[in-house]
Amino acid sequence: MGSVEMVKVFRALSCRKRMAIVELLLQQELCVGTLAAKLGASQSSVSQHLRVLRDSGLVTDNRYGYHIHYTANREILEQIIGGLSGMLSKENAGAECPRKGILCVENTKQKVKTS
């Protein structure tokens, strides 16, 4: 999974309500009404959160006649875990910063002109 896709997933998970939805959907497939009842939220609010989650690939939907049930996409979550593990396993390839212990940003104080 590329960094662009990972950012999209992290943005989708940056909301507590969406995290709660994913946690519920990891346990079982649910419809909007049931999710709304479990979360104490309106169906329209849950639908908007599901749209974000679906766009990021974290949630998939299944139609049963007129009803749509949602489930968490475990593959995406596993790819995120793999991507993070890969980042953590990389060795320090470079030397220490040559300016270690020295102020890295030059003093940029500017005089303010008064009119």
N, C-alpha and C. Protein backbone atom coordinates (compact mmCIF):
# COMPACT_ATOMS: atom_id res chain seq x y z
N MET A 1 0.85 -1.17 0.00
CA MET A 1 0.00 0.00 0.00
C MET A 1 0.89 1.23 0.00
N GLY A 2 0.61 2.16 -0.90
CA GLY A 2 1.40 3.37 -1.01
C GLY A 2 1.07 4.39 0.07
N SER A 3 1.90 5.38 0.17
CA SER A 3 1.72 6.39 1.22
C SER A 3 0.44 7.19 1.03
N VAL A 4 0.04 7.42 -0.21
CA VAL A 4 -1.20 8.19 -0.46
C VAL A 4 -2.41 7.42 0.08
N GLU A 5 -2.45 6.12 -0.17
CA GLU A 5 -3.55 5.31 0.32
C GLU A 5 -3.53 5.22 1.84
N MET A 6 -2.32 5.12 2.41
CA MET A 6 -2.22 5.05 3.88
C MET A 6 -2.72 6.34 4.51
N VAL A 7 -2.40 7.47 3.91
CA VAL A 7 -2.86 8.76 4.45
C VAL A 7 -4.38 8.82 4.41
N LYS A 8 -4.97 8.33 3.33
CA LYS A 8 -6.43 8.32 3.21
C LYS A 8 -7.07 7.49 4.31
N VAL A 9 -6.46 6.34 4.61
CA VAL A 9 -6.97 5.46 5.66
C VAL A 9 -6.81 6.14 7.03
N PHE A 10 -5.64 6.74 7.28
CA PHE A 10 -5.41 7.40 8.56
C PHE A 10 -6.37 8.57 8.76
N ARG A 11 -6.64 9.30 7.69
CA ARG A 11 -7.62 10.40 7.79
C ARG A 11 -9.00 9.87 8.14
N ALA A 12 -9.36 8.77 7.52
CA ALA A 12 -10.67 8.18 7.80
C ALA A 12 -10.76 7.71 9.25
N LEU A 13 -9.66 7.22 9.78
CA LEU A 13 -9.65 6.71 11.16
C LEU A 13 -9.39 7.81 12.20
N SER A 14 -9.18 9.03 11.76
CA SER A 14 -8.86 10.11 12.70
C SER A 14 -10.07 10.60 13.49
N CYS A 15 -11.24 10.10 13.18
CA CYS A 15 -12.47 10.48 13.87
C CYS A 15 -12.89 9.33 14.80
N ARG A 16 -13.19 9.69 16.06
CA ARG A 16 -13.58 8.65 17.04
C ARG A 16 -14.80 7.86 16.61
N LYS A 17 -15.76 8.55 16.03
CA LYS A 17 -17.00 7.87 15.61
C LYS A 17 -16.69 6.84 14.52
N ARG A 18 -15.82 7.21 13.57
CA ARG A 18 -15.48 6.27 12.51
C ARG A 18 -14.67 5.09 13.06
N MET A 19 -13.81 5.36 14.04
CA MET A 19 -13.08 4.27 14.68
C MET A 19 -14.06 3.30 15.34
N ALA A 20 -15.07 3.86 16.00
CA ALA A 20 -16.07 3.02 16.66
C ALA A 20 -16.85 2.19 15.63
N ILE A 21 -17.15 2.80 14.50
CA ILE A 21 -17.86 2.06 13.44
C ILE A 21 -17.01 0.90 12.95
N VAL A 22 -15.73 1.14 12.70
CA VAL A 22 -14.85 0.06 12.24
C VAL A 22 -14.76 -1.04 13.28
N GLU A 23 -14.65 -0.67 14.55
CA GLU A 23 -14.58 -1.69 15.61
C GLU A 23 -15.84 -2.55 15.62
N LEU A 24 -17.01 -1.92 15.47
CA LEU A 24 -18.26 -2.69 15.44
C LEU A 24 -18.32 -3.59 14.21
N LEU A 25 -17.88 -3.06 13.07
CA LEU A 25 -17.95 -3.83 11.84
C LEU A 25 -16.91 -4.94 11.77
N LEU A 26 -15.89 -4.87 12.60
CA LEU A 26 -14.93 -5.99 12.68
C LEU A 26 -15.57 -7.18 13.40
N GLN A 27 -16.58 -6.91 14.22
CA GLN A 27 -17.25 -7.96 14.96
C GLN A 27 -18.33 -8.64 14.14
N GLN A 28 -19.06 -7.84 13.34
CA GLN A 28 -20.14 -8.40 12.53
C GLN A 28 -20.61 -7.41 11.48
N GLU A 29 -21.31 -7.92 10.49
CA GLU A 29 -21.89 -7.11 9.43
C GLU A 29 -23.13 -6.42 9.98
N LEU A 30 -23.26 -5.09 9.75
CA LEU A 30 -24.39 -4.34 10.30
C LEU A 30 -24.94 -3.35 9.28
N CYS A 31 -26.22 -2.99 9.46
CA CYS A 31 -26.84 -1.98 8.61
C CYS A 31 -26.72 -0.61 9.30
N VAL A 32 -27.05 0.44 8.57
CA VAL A 32 -26.94 1.80 9.09
C VAL A 32 -27.79 1.99 10.34
N GLY A 33 -29.01 1.48 10.31
CA GLY A 33 -29.91 1.65 11.45
C GLY A 33 -29.36 1.03 12.73
N THR A 34 -28.81 -0.16 12.61
CA THR A 34 -28.24 -0.83 13.78
C THR A 34 -27.00 -0.09 14.27
N LEU A 35 -26.16 0.34 13.35
CA LEU A 35 -24.97 1.12 13.73
C LEU A 35 -25.38 2.40 14.46
N ALA A 36 -26.39 3.09 13.92
CA ALA A 36 -26.85 4.33 14.53
C ALA A 36 -27.36 4.08 15.95
N ALA A 37 -28.11 3.02 16.13
CA ALA A 37 -28.64 2.69 17.45
C ALA A 37 -27.51 2.36 18.43
N LYS A 38 -26.54 1.59 17.98
CA LYS A 38 -25.42 1.21 18.86
C LYS A 38 -24.55 2.41 19.22
N LEU A 39 -24.43 3.37 18.30
CA LEU A 39 -23.57 4.53 18.53
C LEU A 39 -24.30 5.72 19.15
N GLY A 40 -25.63 5.64 19.18
CA GLY A 40 -26.41 6.77 19.68
C GLY A 40 -26.30 7.97 18.76
N ALA A 41 -26.28 7.71 17.47
CA ALA A 41 -26.13 8.77 16.46
C ALA A 41 -27.27 8.68 15.46
N SER A 42 -27.44 9.72 14.67
CA SER A 42 -28.48 9.69 13.65
C SER A 42 -28.03 8.82 12.48
N GLN A 43 -29.00 8.30 11.74
CA GLN A 43 -28.67 7.48 10.58
C GLN A 43 -27.94 8.28 9.52
N SER A 44 -28.30 9.55 9.35
CA SER A 44 -27.63 10.37 8.34
C SER A 44 -26.17 10.61 8.72
N SER A 45 -25.91 10.81 10.01
CA SER A 45 -24.53 10.98 10.47
C SER A 45 -23.71 9.72 10.22
N VAL A 46 -24.28 8.57 10.56
CA VAL A 46 -23.60 7.30 10.35
C VAL A 46 -23.37 7.07 8.86
N SER A 47 -24.34 7.41 8.03
CA SER A 47 -24.19 7.26 6.58
C SER A 47 -23.03 8.09 6.05
N GLN A 48 -22.89 9.30 6.56
CA GLN A 48 -21.78 10.16 6.12
C GLN A 48 -20.44 9.57 6.55
N HIS A 49 -20.37 9.05 7.76
CA HIS A 49 -19.14 8.42 8.22
C HIS A 49 -18.83 7.17 7.39
N LEU A 50 -19.85 6.40 7.07
CA LEU A 50 -19.66 5.20 6.26
C LEU A 50 -19.15 5.55 4.86
N ARG A 51 -19.60 6.67 4.32
CA ARG A 51 -19.12 7.10 3.00
C ARG A 51 -17.62 7.34 3.04
N VAL A 52 -17.15 8.03 4.08
CA VAL A 52 -15.71 8.29 4.23
C VAL A 52 -14.95 6.97 4.38
N LEU A 53 -15.47 6.09 5.19
CA LEU A 53 -14.82 4.79 5.42
C LEU A 53 -14.81 3.94 4.15
N ARG A 54 -15.89 4.01 3.40
CA ARG A 54 -15.98 3.25 2.15
C ARG A 54 -15.00 3.82 1.11
N ASP A 55 -14.92 5.16 1.04
CA ASP A 55 -14.00 5.80 0.09
C ASP A 55 -12.54 5.47 0.39
N SER A 56 -12.23 5.24 1.65
CA SER A 56 -10.86 4.90 2.04
C SER A 56 -10.57 3.41 1.87
N GLY A 57 -11.62 2.63 1.63
CA GLY A 57 -11.45 1.19 1.47
C GLY A 57 -11.59 0.40 2.75
N LEU A 58 -11.83 1.09 3.87
CA LEU A 58 -11.91 0.40 5.16
C LEU A 58 -13.21 -0.38 5.35
N VAL A 59 -14.23 -0.01 4.59
CA VAL A 59 -15.54 -0.64 4.75
C VAL A 59 -16.06 -1.04 3.37
N THR A 60 -16.68 -2.20 3.32
CA THR A 60 -17.35 -2.65 2.10
C THR A 60 -18.83 -2.84 2.40
N ASP A 61 -19.64 -2.82 1.35
CA ASP A 61 -21.07 -2.99 1.56
C ASP A 61 -21.60 -4.16 0.75
N ASN A 62 -22.65 -4.76 1.27
CA ASN A 62 -23.34 -5.88 0.62
C ASN A 62 -24.82 -5.57 0.58
N ARG A 63 -25.41 -5.72 -0.60
CA ARG A 63 -26.85 -5.46 -0.75
C ARG A 63 -27.65 -6.74 -0.54
N TYR A 64 -28.70 -6.58 0.22
CA TYR A 64 -29.68 -7.65 0.43
C TYR A 64 -31.04 -7.05 0.10
N GLY A 65 -31.42 -7.11 -1.17
CA GLY A 65 -32.65 -6.46 -1.60
C GLY A 65 -32.50 -4.95 -1.47
N TYR A 66 -33.37 -4.33 -0.67
CA TYR A 66 -33.30 -2.88 -0.46
C TYR A 66 -32.33 -2.50 0.66
N HIS A 67 -31.86 -3.48 1.38
CA HIS A 67 -31.02 -3.20 2.55
C HIS A 67 -29.54 -3.34 2.20
N ILE A 68 -28.74 -2.48 2.82
CA ILE A 68 -27.29 -2.53 2.64
C ILE A 68 -26.66 -2.80 4.00
N HIS A 69 -25.82 -3.79 4.05
CA HIS A 69 -25.09 -4.12 5.26
C HIS A 69 -23.61 -3.85 5.02
N TYR A 70 -22.93 -3.41 6.06
CA TYR A 70 -21.53 -3.01 5.95
C TYR A 70 -20.65 -3.93 6.77
N THR A 71 -19.42 -4.09 6.31
CA THR A 71 -18.44 -4.89 7.02
C THR A 71 -17.07 -4.23 6.88
N ALA A 72 -16.20 -4.45 7.86
CA ALA A 72 -14.86 -3.88 7.81
C ALA A 72 -14.00 -4.69 6.84
N ASN A 73 -13.14 -4.00 6.13
CA ASN A 73 -12.23 -4.63 5.19
C ASN A 73 -10.93 -4.96 5.92
N ARG A 74 -10.83 -6.19 6.38
CA ARG A 74 -9.66 -6.61 7.16
C ARG A 74 -8.36 -6.55 6.34
N GLU A 75 -8.46 -6.75 5.03
CA GLU A 75 -7.27 -6.70 4.18
C GLU A 75 -6.58 -5.34 4.26
N ILE A 76 -7.37 -4.28 4.22
CA ILE A 76 -6.80 -2.92 4.29
C ILE A 76 -6.10 -2.72 5.63
N LEU A 77 -6.74 -3.15 6.70
CA LEU A 77 -6.13 -3.01 8.03
C LEU A 77 -4.84 -3.80 8.12
N GLU A 78 -4.80 -4.99 7.53
CA GLU A 78 -3.58 -5.78 7.53
C GLU A 78 -2.49 -5.11 6.71
N GLN A 79 -2.87 -4.47 5.60
CA GLN A 79 -1.89 -3.74 4.78
C GLN A 79 -1.31 -2.56 5.55
N ILE A 80 -2.15 -1.88 6.32
CA ILE A 80 -1.68 -0.75 7.13
C ILE A 80 -0.68 -1.25 8.16
N ILE A 81 -1.02 -2.34 8.83
CA ILE A 81 -0.11 -2.92 9.83
C ILE A 81 1.21 -3.31 9.17
N GLY A 82 1.13 -3.92 8.00
CA GLY A 82 2.34 -4.30 7.27
C GLY A 82 3.18 -3.09 6.88
N GLY A 83 2.50 -2.03 6.43
CA GLY A 83 3.21 -0.82 6.05
C GLY A 83 3.91 -0.18 7.23
N LEU A 84 3.24 -0.14 8.37
CA LEU A 84 3.84 0.43 9.57
C LEU A 84 5.00 -0.43 10.07
N SER A 85 4.83 -1.75 9.99
CA SER A 85 5.92 -2.65 10.39
C SER A 85 7.14 -2.45 9.50
N GLY A 86 6.89 -2.25 8.21
CA GLY A 86 7.98 -2.00 7.28
C GLY A 86 8.72 -0.72 7.61
N MET A 87 7.97 0.31 7.98
CA MET A 87 8.59 1.58 8.35
C MET A 87 9.46 1.40 9.60
N LEU A 88 8.96 0.64 10.56
CA LEU A 88 9.69 0.43 11.82
C LEU A 88 10.93 -0.43 11.63
N SER A 89 10.91 -1.30 10.65
CA SER A 89 12.02 -2.23 10.49
C SER A 89 13.19 -1.62 9.72
N LYS A 90 13.00 -0.44 9.14
CA LYS A 90 14.10 0.18 8.38
C LYS A 90 15.20 0.63 9.33
N GLU A 91 16.41 0.33 8.92
CA GLU A 91 17.58 0.72 9.71
C GLU A 91 17.89 2.19 9.48
N ASN A 92 18.60 2.77 10.41
CA ASN A 92 19.07 4.14 10.27
C ASN A 92 20.15 4.13 9.19
N ALA A 93 19.83 4.65 8.00
CA ALA A 93 20.73 4.56 6.86
C ALA A 93 21.77 5.68 6.82
N GLY A 94 21.53 6.74 7.55
CA GLY A 94 22.44 7.87 7.46
C GLY A 94 23.15 8.15 8.75
N ALA A 95 24.10 9.04 8.67
CA ALA A 95 24.82 9.47 9.86
C ALA A 95 23.94 10.44 10.64
N GLU A 96 24.40 10.75 11.83
CA GLU A 96 23.66 11.72 12.63
C GLU A 96 23.67 13.07 11.93
N CYS A 97 22.75 13.90 12.30
CA CYS A 97 22.66 15.25 11.75
C CYS A 97 23.96 16.00 12.07
N PRO A 98 24.57 16.61 11.07
CA PRO A 98 25.82 17.32 11.32
C PRO A 98 25.64 18.54 12.23
N ARG A 99 24.43 19.00 12.38
CA ARG A 99 24.18 20.18 13.21
C ARG A 99 23.60 19.80 14.57
N LYS A 100 23.74 18.55 14.96
CA LYS A 100 23.18 18.09 16.22
C LYS A 100 23.69 18.95 17.37
N GLY A 101 22.78 19.45 18.14
CA GLY A 101 23.14 20.29 19.28
C GLY A 101 23.30 21.76 18.93
N ILE A 102 23.19 22.08 17.64
CA ILE A 102 23.30 23.47 17.19
C ILE A 102 21.92 23.90 16.71
N LEU A 103 21.61 25.15 16.93
CA LEU A 103 20.32 25.66 16.46
C LEU A 103 20.22 25.45 14.96
N CYS A 104 19.24 24.71 14.52
CA CYS A 104 19.09 24.36 13.10
C CYS A 104 18.52 25.49 12.25
N VAL A 105 17.79 26.37 12.85
CA VAL A 105 17.17 27.45 12.09
C VAL A 105 17.91 28.73 12.41
N GLU A 106 18.32 29.41 11.38
CA GLU A 106 19.03 30.67 11.60
C GLU A 106 18.07 31.69 12.20
N ASN A 107 18.61 32.62 12.93
CA ASN A 107 17.82 33.66 13.55
C ASN A 107 17.18 34.49 12.45
N THR A 108 15.87 34.50 12.39
CA THR A 108 15.16 35.21 11.32
C THR A 108 14.42 36.41 11.83
N LYS A 109 14.87 36.97 12.96
CA LYS A 109 14.20 38.17 13.48
C LYS A 109 14.32 39.30 12.47
N GLN A 110 13.20 39.89 12.19
CA GLN A 110 13.20 41.03 11.29
C GLN A 110 12.64 42.22 12.03
N LYS A 111 13.18 43.38 11.71
CA LYS A 111 12.65 44.60 12.32
C LYS A 111 11.32 44.91 11.65
N VAL A 112 10.37 45.27 12.48
CA VAL A 112 9.06 45.63 11.97
C VAL A 112 9.04 47.11 11.72
N LYS A 113 8.69 47.51 10.52
CA LYS A 113 8.62 48.93 10.20
C LYS A 113 7.33 49.51 10.76
N THR A 114 7.43 50.65 11.35
CA THR A 114 6.24 51.33 11.83
C THR A 114 5.93 52.48 10.90
N SER A 115 4.69 52.61 10.56
CA SER A 115 4.29 53.66 9.62
C SER A 115 3.91 54.92 10.35
